[in-house]
Amino acid sequence: MNILICPFDKYADLDLIEFETNNSNVNSGILYCTKCIRYYPIINGIPIMVPDNQRNLIYESNFLSKWTNKIPEKIKSNSMPFNIN
């Protein structure tokens, strides 16, 4: 966790929101950059941390639909790419 940084602004302070864990490993969750208000999903234990223009929003939408009840409202309403038109 200490070596992961936001690929957008290179800010190291990412919040971890765990959805599903196995022992101490996070299988599903979100890393959230408090500086640029972007989120990065953790899918099958792998953080998907790519720039906005390289994100697969269709793939992420399936993940987000599955965990929508565990995603904090501040992320749903303020985060990129949630609010991309």
PDB file of N, CA and C in Angstrom:
ATOM      1  N   MET A   1       0.827  -1.194   0.000  1.00  0.00           N
ATOM      2  CA  MET A   1       0.000   0.000   0.000  1.00  0.00           C
ATOM      3  C   MET A   1       0.868   1.254   0.000  1.00  0.00           C
ATOM      4  N   ASN A   2       2.002   1.226   0.673  1.00  0.00           N
ATOM      5  CA  ASN A   2       2.838   2.411   0.764  1.00  0.00           C
ATOM      6  C   ASN A   2       3.538   2.757  -0.539  1.00  0.00           C
ATOM      7  N   ILE A   3       3.626   1.825  -1.480  1.00  0.00           N
ATOM      8  CA  ILE A   3       4.328   2.121  -2.724  1.00  0.00           C
ATOM      9  C   ILE A   3       3.390   2.475  -3.872  1.00  0.00           C
ATOM     10  N   LEU A   4       2.085   2.362  -3.664  1.00  0.00           N
ATOM     11  CA  LEU A   4       1.129   2.695  -4.717  1.00  0.00           C
ATOM     12  C   LEU A   4       0.859   4.191  -4.714  1.00  0.00           C
ATOM     13  N   ILE A   5       0.901   4.786  -5.913  1.00  0.00           N
ATOM     14  CA  ILE A   5       0.588   6.205  -6.055  1.00  0.00           C
ATOM     15  C   ILE A   5      -0.424   6.387  -7.165  1.00  0.00           C
ATOM     16  N   CYS A   6      -1.121   7.482  -7.127  1.00  0.00           N
ATOM     17  CA  CYS A   6      -2.101   7.807  -8.158  1.00  0.00           C
ATOM     18  C   CYS A   6      -1.361   8.105  -9.464  1.00  0.00           C
ATOM     19  N   PRO A   7      -1.706   7.425 -10.560  1.00  0.00           N
ATOM     20  CA  PRO A   7      -1.030   7.694 -11.826  1.00  0.00           C
ATOM     21  C   PRO A   7      -1.386   9.061 -12.418  1.00  0.00           C
ATOM     22  N   PHE A   8      -2.436   9.693 -11.907  1.00  0.00           N
ATOM     23  CA  PHE A   8      -2.830  10.999 -12.434  1.00  0.00           C
ATOM     24  C   PHE A   8      -1.991  12.124 -11.849  1.00  0.00           C
ATOM     25  N   ASP A   9      -1.888  12.171 -10.534  1.00  0.00           N
ATOM     26  CA  ASP A   9      -1.181  13.304  -9.920  1.00  0.00           C
ATOM     27  C   ASP A   9       0.063  12.906  -9.131  1.00  0.00           C
ATOM     28  N   LYS A  10       0.373  11.625  -9.101  1.00  0.00           N
ATOM     29  CA  LYS A  10       1.559  11.107  -8.405  1.00  0.00           C
ATOM     30  C   LYS A  10       1.518  11.353  -6.901  1.00  0.00           C
ATOM     31  N   TYR A  11       0.316  11.472  -6.359  1.00  0.00           N
ATOM     32  CA  TYR A  11       0.105  11.707  -4.935  1.00  0.00           C
ATOM     33  C   TYR A  11       0.025  10.359  -4.227  1.00  0.00           C
ATOM     34  N   ALA A  12       0.782  10.149  -3.193  1.00  0.00           N
ATOM     35  CA  ALA A  12       0.911   8.832  -2.578  1.00  0.00           C
ATOM     36  C   ALA A  12      -0.183   8.486  -1.574  1.00  0.00           C
ATOM     37  N   ASP A  13      -0.972   9.440  -1.125  1.00  0.00           N
ATOM     38  CA  ASP A  13      -1.957   9.175  -0.091  1.00  0.00           C
ATOM     39  C   ASP A  13      -3.247   8.613  -0.685  1.00  0.00           C
ATOM     40  N   LEU A  14      -3.336   7.293  -0.766  1.00  0.00           N
ATOM     41  CA  LEU A  14      -4.525   6.619  -1.278  1.00  0.00           C
ATOM     42  C   LEU A  14      -5.267   5.963  -0.126  1.00  0.00           C
ATOM     43  N   ASP A  15      -6.578   6.158  -0.088  1.00  0.00           N
ATOM     44  CA  ASP A  15      -7.415   5.477   0.898  1.00  0.00           C
ATOM     45  C   ASP A  15      -7.816   4.114   0.349  1.00  0.00           C
ATOM     46  N   LEU A  16      -7.798   3.109   1.191  1.00  0.00           N
ATOM     47  CA  LEU A  16      -8.210   1.764   0.803  1.00  0.00           C
ATOM     48  C   LEU A  16      -9.597   1.491   1.369  1.00  0.00           C
ATOM     49  N   ILE A  17     -10.501   1.089   0.491  1.00  0.00           N
ATOM     50  CA  ILE A  17     -11.841   0.677   0.899  1.00  0.00           C
ATOM     51  C   ILE A  17     -11.987  -0.785   0.479  1.00  0.00           C
ATOM     52  N   GLU A  18     -12.077  -1.657   1.462  1.00  0.00           N
ATOM     53  CA  GLU A  18     -12.124  -3.095   1.208  1.00  0.00           C
ATOM     54  C   GLU A  18     -13.563  -3.569   1.058  1.00  0.00           C
ATOM     55  N   PHE A  19     -13.803  -4.368   0.023  1.00  0.00           N
ATOM     56  CA  PHE A  19     -15.114  -4.983  -0.174  1.00  0.00           C
ATOM     57  C   PHE A  19     -15.068  -6.464   0.197  1.00  0.00           C
ATOM     58  N   GLU A  20     -14.012  -7.142  -0.234  1.00  0.00           N
ATOM     59  CA  GLU A  20     -13.888  -8.582  -0.019  1.00  0.00           C
ATOM     60  C   GLU A  20     -12.416  -8.893   0.260  1.00  0.00           C
ATOM     61  N   THR A  21     -12.169  -9.600   1.353  1.00  0.00           N
ATOM     62  CA  THR A  21     -10.798  -9.958   1.713  1.00  0.00           C
ATOM     63  C   THR A  21     -10.687 -11.457   1.946  1.00  0.00           C
ATOM     64  N   ASN A  22      -9.461 -11.935   1.817  1.00  0.00           N
ATOM     65  CA  ASN A  22      -9.137 -13.324   2.110  1.00  0.00           C
ATOM     66  C   ASN A  22      -7.905 -13.283   2.986  1.00  0.00           C
ATOM     67  N   ASN A  23      -8.080 -13.574   4.274  1.00  0.00           N
ATOM     68  CA  ASN A  23      -7.039 -13.366   5.278  1.00  0.00           C
ATOM     69  C   ASN A  23      -6.663 -11.887   5.272  1.00  0.00           C
ATOM     70  N   SER A  24      -5.439 -11.543   4.939  1.00  0.00           N
ATOM     71  CA  SER A  24      -5.059 -10.127   4.909  1.00  0.00           C
ATOM     72  C   SER A  24      -4.963  -9.588   3.482  1.00  0.00           C
ATOM     73  N   ASN A  25      -5.370 -10.379   2.496  1.00  0.00           N
ATOM     74  CA  ASN A  25      -5.321  -9.952   1.099  1.00  0.00           C
ATOM     75  C   ASN A  25      -6.659  -9.355   0.664  1.00  0.00           C
ATOM     76  N   VAL A  26      -6.598  -8.231  -0.024  1.00  0.00           N
ATOM     77  CA  VAL A  26      -7.814  -7.591  -0.533  1.00  0.00           C
ATOM     78  C   VAL A  26      -8.107  -8.164  -1.916  1.00  0.00           C
ATOM     79  N   ASN A  27      -9.224  -8.868  -2.057  1.00  0.00           N
ATOM     80  CA  ASN A  27      -9.633  -9.412  -3.353  1.00  0.00           C
ATOM     81  C   ASN A  27     -10.412  -8.393  -4.164  1.00  0.00           C
ATOM     82  N   SER A  28     -11.245  -7.615  -3.500  1.00  0.00           N
ATOM     83  CA  SER A  28     -12.057  -6.593  -4.163  1.00  0.00           C
ATOM     84  C   SER A  28     -12.114  -5.358  -3.280  1.00  0.00           C
ATOM     85  N   GLY A  29     -12.012  -4.210  -3.915  1.00  0.00           N
ATOM     86  CA  GLY A  29     -12.068  -2.956  -3.183  1.00  0.00           C
ATOM     87  C   GLY A  29     -11.763  -1.788  -4.094  1.00  0.00           C
ATOM     88  N   ILE A  30     -11.499  -0.666  -3.484  1.00  0.00           N
ATOM     89  CA  ILE A  30     -11.197   0.559  -4.227  1.00  0.00           C
ATOM     90  C   ILE A  30     -10.054   1.282  -3.533  1.00  0.00           C
ATOM     91  N   LEU A  31      -9.124   1.790  -4.328  1.00  0.00           N
ATOM     92  CA  LEU A  31      -8.133   2.739  -3.851  1.00  0.00           C
ATOM     93  C   LEU A  31      -8.631   4.107  -4.281  1.00  0.00           C
ATOM     94  N   TYR A  32      -8.612   5.062  -3.371  1.00  0.00           N
ATOM     95  CA  TYR A  32      -9.214   6.370  -3.607  1.00  0.00           C
ATOM     96  C   TYR A  32      -8.178   7.454  -3.353  1.00  0.00           C
ATOM     97  N   CYS A  33      -7.921   8.279  -4.357  1.00  0.00           N
ATOM     98  CA  CYS A  33      -6.977   9.386  -4.221  1.00  0.00           C
ATOM     99  C   CYS A  33      -7.719  10.595  -3.656  1.00  0.00           C
ATOM    100  N   THR A  34      -7.306  11.013  -2.484  1.00  0.00           N
ATOM    101  CA  THR A  34      -7.981  12.129  -1.829  1.00  0.00           C
ATOM    102  C   THR A  34      -7.614  13.476  -2.436  1.00  0.00           C
ATOM    103  N   LYS A  35      -6.554  13.523  -3.224  1.00  0.00           N
ATOM    104  CA  LYS A  35      -6.147  14.788  -3.835  1.00  0.00           C
ATOM    105  C   LYS A  35      -6.903  15.066  -5.135  1.00  0.00           C
ATOM    106  N   CYS A  36      -6.929  14.104  -6.046  1.00  0.00           N
ATOM    107  CA  CYS A  36      -7.577  14.352  -7.349  1.00  0.00           C
ATOM    108  C   CYS A  36      -8.969  13.729  -7.439  1.00  0.00           C
ATOM    109  N   ILE A  37      -9.422  13.107  -6.373  1.00  0.00           N
ATOM    110  CA  ILE A  37     -10.731  12.462  -6.268  1.00  0.00           C
ATOM    111  C   ILE A  37     -10.986  11.451  -7.389  1.00  0.00           C
ATOM    112  N   ARG A  38     -10.000  10.599  -7.620  1.00  0.00           N
ATOM    113  CA  ARG A  38     -10.165   9.484  -8.540  1.00  0.00           C
ATOM    114  C   ARG A  38     -10.145   8.192  -7.730  1.00  0.00           C
ATOM    115  N   TYR A  39     -10.810   7.178  -8.282  1.00  0.00           N
ATOM    116  CA  TYR A  39     -10.789   5.870  -7.644  1.00  0.00           C
ATOM    117  C   TYR A  39     -10.147   4.871  -8.611  1.00  0.00           C
ATOM    118  N   TYR A  40      -9.603   3.828  -8.039  1.00  0.00           N
ATOM    119  CA  TYR A  40      -9.021   2.740  -8.816  1.00  0.00           C
ATOM    120  C   TYR A  40      -9.506   1.436  -8.210  1.00  0.00           C
ATOM    121  N   PRO A  41     -10.197   0.609  -9.007  1.00  0.00           N
ATOM    122  CA  PRO A  41     -10.744  -0.630  -8.463  1.00  0.00           C
ATOM    123  C   PRO A  41      -9.656  -1.665  -8.210  1.00  0.00           C
ATOM    124  N   ILE A  42      -9.904  -2.504  -7.233  1.00  0.00           N
ATOM    125  CA  ILE A  42      -9.077  -3.684  -6.990  1.00  0.00           C
ATOM    126  C   ILE A  42      -9.951  -4.862  -7.390  1.00  0.00           C
ATOM    127  N   ILE A  43      -9.556  -5.558  -8.449  1.00  0.00           N
ATOM    128  CA  ILE A  43     -10.347  -6.651  -9.008  1.00  0.00           C
ATOM    129  C   ILE A  43      -9.495  -7.917  -8.977  1.00  0.00           C
ATOM    130  N   ASN A  44     -10.005  -8.951  -8.334  1.00  0.00           N
ATOM    131  CA  ASN A  44      -9.271 -10.209  -8.185  1.00  0.00           C
ATOM    132  C   ASN A  44      -7.890  -9.979  -7.565  1.00  0.00           C
ATOM    133  N   GLY A  45      -7.818  -9.067  -6.610  1.00  0.00           N
ATOM    134  CA  GLY A  45      -6.585  -8.800  -5.894  1.00  0.00           C
ATOM    135  C   GLY A  45      -5.601  -7.890  -6.614  1.00  0.00           C
ATOM    136  N   ILE A  46      -5.975  -7.384  -7.787  1.00  0.00           N
ATOM    137  CA  ILE A  46      -5.068  -6.553  -8.579  1.00  0.00           C
ATOM    138  C   ILE A  46      -5.606  -5.133  -8.665  1.00  0.00           C
ATOM    139  N   PRO A  47      -4.847  -4.138  -8.193  1.00  0.00           N
ATOM    140  CA  PRO A  47      -5.282  -2.744  -8.361  1.00  0.00           C
ATOM    141  C   PRO A  47      -5.175  -2.337  -9.829  1.00  0.00           C
ATOM    142  N   ILE A  48      -6.257  -1.830 -10.372  1.00  0.00           N
ATOM    143  CA  ILE A  48      -6.286  -1.374 -11.766  1.00  0.00           C
ATOM    144  C   ILE A  48      -6.004   0.128 -11.745  1.00  0.00           C
ATOM    145  N   MET A  49      -4.751   0.495 -11.944  1.00  0.00           N
ATOM    146  CA  MET A  49      -4.318   1.878 -11.767  1.00  0.00           C
ATOM    147  C   MET A  49      -3.736   2.404 -13.074  1.00  0.00           C
ATOM    148  N   VAL A  50      -4.615   2.759 -13.988  1.00  0.00           N
ATOM    149  CA  VAL A  50      -4.188   3.296 -15.278  1.00  0.00           C
ATOM    150  C   VAL A  50      -4.784   4.693 -15.454  1.00  0.00           C
ATOM    151  N   PRO A  51      -4.182   5.510 -16.320  1.00  0.00           N
ATOM    152  CA  PRO A  51      -4.735   6.842 -16.574  1.00  0.00           C
ATOM    153  C   PRO A  51      -6.159   6.768 -17.129  1.00  0.00           C
ATOM    154  N   ASP A  52      -6.904   7.853 -16.951  1.00  0.00           N
ATOM    155  CA  ASP A  52      -8.315   7.892 -17.361  1.00  0.00           C
ATOM    156  C   ASP A  52      -8.533   7.450 -18.802  1.00  0.00           C
ATOM    157  N   ASN A  53      -7.692   7.922 -19.711  1.00  0.00           N
ATOM    158  CA  ASN A  53      -7.910   7.626 -21.134  1.00  0.00           C
ATOM    159  C   ASN A  53      -7.610   6.172 -21.490  1.00  0.00           C
ATOM    160  N   GLN A  54      -7.064   5.397 -20.565  1.00  0.00           N
ATOM    161  CA  GLN A  54      -6.781   3.987 -20.814  1.00  0.00           C
ATOM    162  C   GLN A  54      -7.678   3.056 -19.999  1.00  0.00           C
ATOM    163  N   ARG A  55      -8.616   3.625 -19.278  1.00  0.00           N
ATOM    164  CA  ARG A  55      -9.492   2.810 -18.434  1.00  0.00           C
ATOM    165  C   ARG A  55     -10.579   2.152 -19.267  1.00  0.00           C
ATOM    166  N   ASN A  56     -10.933   0.932 -18.889  1.00  0.00           N
ATOM    167  CA  ASN A  56     -12.000   0.198 -19.538  1.00  0.00           C
ATOM    168  C   ASN A  56     -13.259   0.380 -18.692  1.00  0.00           C
ATOM    169  N   LEU A  57     -14.027   1.399 -19.011  1.00  0.00           N
ATOM    170  CA  LEU A  57     -15.183   1.748 -18.190  1.00  0.00           C
ATOM    171  C   LEU A  57     -16.289   0.695 -18.243  1.00  0.00           C
ATOM    172  N   ILE A  58     -16.375  -0.052 -19.334  1.00  0.00           N
ATOM    173  CA  ILE A  58     -17.371  -1.124 -19.404  1.00  0.00           C
ATOM    174  C   ILE A  58     -16.995  -2.229 -18.415  1.00  0.00           C
ATOM    175  N   TYR A  59     -15.746  -2.605 -18.383  1.00  0.00           N
ATOM    176  CA  TYR A  59     -15.261  -3.619 -17.439  1.00  0.00           C
ATOM    177  C   TYR A  59     -15.454  -3.138 -16.000  1.00  0.00           C
ATOM    178  N   GLU A  60     -15.098  -1.881 -15.767  1.00  0.00           N
ATOM    179  CA  GLU A  60     -15.252  -1.327 -14.417  1.00  0.00           C
ATOM    180  C   GLU A  60     -16.717  -1.208 -14.011  1.00  0.00           C
ATOM    181  N   SER A  61     -17.613  -0.933 -14.961  1.00  0.00           N
ATOM    182  CA  SER A  61     -19.022  -0.768 -14.614  1.00  0.00           C
ATOM    183  C   SER A  61     -19.608  -2.062 -14.054  1.00  0.00           C
ATOM    184  N   ASN A  62     -19.176  -3.208 -14.554  1.00  0.00           N
ATOM    185  CA  ASN A  62     -19.631  -4.489 -14.000  1.00  0.00           C
ATOM    186  C   ASN A  62     -19.168  -4.637 -12.551  1.00  0.00           C
ATOM    187  N   PHE A  63     -17.933  -4.273 -12.303  1.00  0.00           N
ATOM    188  CA  PHE A  63     -17.386  -4.316 -10.945  1.00  0.00           C
ATOM    189  C   PHE A  63     -18.153  -3.365 -10.028  1.00  0.00           C
ATOM    190  N   LEU A  64     -18.373  -2.147 -10.506  1.00  0.00           N
ATOM    191  CA  LEU A  64     -19.069  -1.142  -9.698  1.00  0.00           C
ATOM    192  C   LEU A  64     -20.508  -1.546  -9.408  1.00  0.00           C
ATOM    193  N   SER A  65     -21.173  -2.153 -10.375  1.00  0.00           N
ATOM    194  CA  SER A  65     -22.548  -2.616 -10.169  1.00  0.00           C
ATOM    195  C   SER A  65     -22.602  -3.677  -9.077  1.00  0.00           C
ATOM    196  N   LYS A  66     -21.623  -4.555  -9.081  1.00  0.00           N
ATOM    197  CA  LYS A  66     -21.589  -5.629  -8.075  1.00  0.00           C
ATOM    198  C   LYS A  66     -21.427  -5.076  -6.664  1.00  0.00           C
ATOM    199  N   TRP A  67     -20.631  -4.030  -6.506  1.00  0.00           N
ATOM    200  CA  TRP A  67     -20.292  -3.515  -5.177  1.00  0.00           C
ATOM    201  C   TRP A  67     -20.930  -2.162  -4.870  1.00  0.00           C
ATOM    202  N   THR A  68     -21.918  -1.743  -5.611  1.00  0.00           N
ATOM    203  CA  THR A  68     -22.479  -0.396  -5.458  1.00  0.00           C
ATOM    204  C   THR A  68     -22.926  -0.086  -4.032  1.00  0.00           C
ATOM    205  N   ASN A  69     -23.419  -1.086  -3.313  1.00  0.00           N
ATOM    206  CA  ASN A  69     -23.893  -0.829  -1.947  1.00  0.00           C
ATOM    207  C   ASN A  69     -22.753  -0.622  -0.950  1.00  0.00           C
ATOM    208  N   LYS A  70     -21.518  -0.950  -1.324  1.00  0.00           N
ATOM    209  CA  LYS A  70     -20.373  -0.762  -0.431  1.00  0.00           C
ATOM    210  C   LYS A  70     -19.517   0.452  -0.811  1.00  0.00           C
ATOM    211  N   ILE A  71     -19.831   1.083  -1.925  1.00  0.00           N
ATOM    212  CA  ILE A  71     -19.049   2.240  -2.368  1.00  0.00           C
ATOM    213  C   ILE A  71     -19.580   3.484  -1.667  1.00  0.00           C
ATOM    214  N   PRO A  72     -18.723   4.200  -0.944  1.00  0.00           N
ATOM    215  CA  PRO A  72     -19.179   5.409  -0.253  1.00  0.00           C
ATOM    216  C   PRO A  72     -19.743   6.444  -1.226  1.00  0.00           C
ATOM    217  N   GLU A  73     -20.756   7.156  -0.797  1.00  0.00           N
ATOM    218  CA  GLU A  73     -21.416   8.152  -1.642  1.00  0.00           C
ATOM    219  C   GLU A  73     -20.446   9.219  -2.138  1.00  0.00           C
ATOM    220  N   LYS A  74     -19.471   9.614  -1.314  1.00  0.00           N
ATOM    221  CA  LYS A  74     -18.507  10.636  -1.742  1.00  0.00           C
ATOM    222  C   LYS A  74     -17.741  10.193  -2.984  1.00  0.00           C
ATOM    223  N   ILE A  75     -17.521   8.903  -3.135  1.00  0.00           N
ATOM    224  CA  ILE A  75     -16.832   8.398  -4.320  1.00  0.00           C
ATOM    225  C   ILE A  75     -17.787   8.371  -5.508  1.00  0.00           C
ATOM    226  N   LYS A  76     -19.011   7.919  -5.285  1.00  0.00           N
ATOM    227  CA  LYS A  76     -19.984   7.863  -6.382  1.00  0.00           C
ATOM    228  C   LYS A  76     -20.275   9.238  -6.955  1.00  0.00           C
ATOM    229  N   SER A  77     -20.359  10.241  -6.112  1.00  0.00           N
ATOM    230  CA  SER A  77     -20.784  11.561  -6.593  1.00  0.00           C
ATOM    231  C   SER A  77     -19.644  12.464  -7.018  1.00  0.00           C
ATOM    232  N   ASN A  78     -18.413  12.198  -6.565  1.00  0.00           N
ATOM    233  CA  ASN A  78     -17.325  13.132  -6.844  1.00  0.00           C
ATOM    234  C   ASN A  78     -16.166  12.561  -7.640  1.00  0.00           C
ATOM    235  N   SER A  79     -16.061  11.259  -7.780  1.00  0.00           N
ATOM    236  CA  SER A  79     -14.850  10.656  -8.331  1.00  0.00           C
ATOM    237  C   SER A  79     -14.846  10.589  -9.841  1.00  0.00           C
ATOM    238  N   MET A  80     -13.644  10.687 -10.391  1.00  0.00           N
ATOM    239  CA  MET A  80     -13.412  10.381 -11.786  1.00  0.00           C
ATOM    240  C   MET A  80     -13.215   8.871 -11.847  1.00  0.00           C
ATOM    241  N   PRO A  81     -13.676   8.140 -12.798  1.00  0.00           N
ATOM    242  CA  PRO A  81     -14.459   8.561 -13.942  1.00  0.00           C
ATOM    243  C   PRO A  81     -15.959   8.455 -13.725  1.00  0.00           C
ATOM    244  N   PHE A  82     -16.427   8.363 -12.480  1.00  0.00           N
ATOM    245  CA  PHE A  82     -17.875   8.306 -12.233  1.00  0.00           C
ATOM    246  C   PHE A  82     -18.599   9.458 -12.896  1.00  0.00           C
ATOM    247  N   ASN A  83     -17.994  10.643 -12.865  1.00  0.00           N
ATOM    248  CA  ASN A  83     -18.716  11.819 -13.363  1.00  0.00           C
ATOM    249  C   ASN A  83     -18.272  12.249 -14.754  1.00  0.00           C
ATOM    250  N   ILE A  84     -17.701  11.328 -15.535  1.00  0.00           N
ATOM    251  CA  ILE A  84     -17.360  11.646 -16.921  1.00  0.00           C
ATOM    252  C   ILE A  84     -18.649  11.632 -17.745  1.00  0.00           C
ATOM    253  N   ASN A  85     -18.842  12.640 -18.564  1.00  0.00           N
ATOM    254  CA  ASN A  85     -20.035  12.713 -19.429  1.00  0.00           C
ATOM    255  C   ASN A  85     -19.734  12.116 -20.792  1.00  0.00           C
TER     256      ASN A  85
END
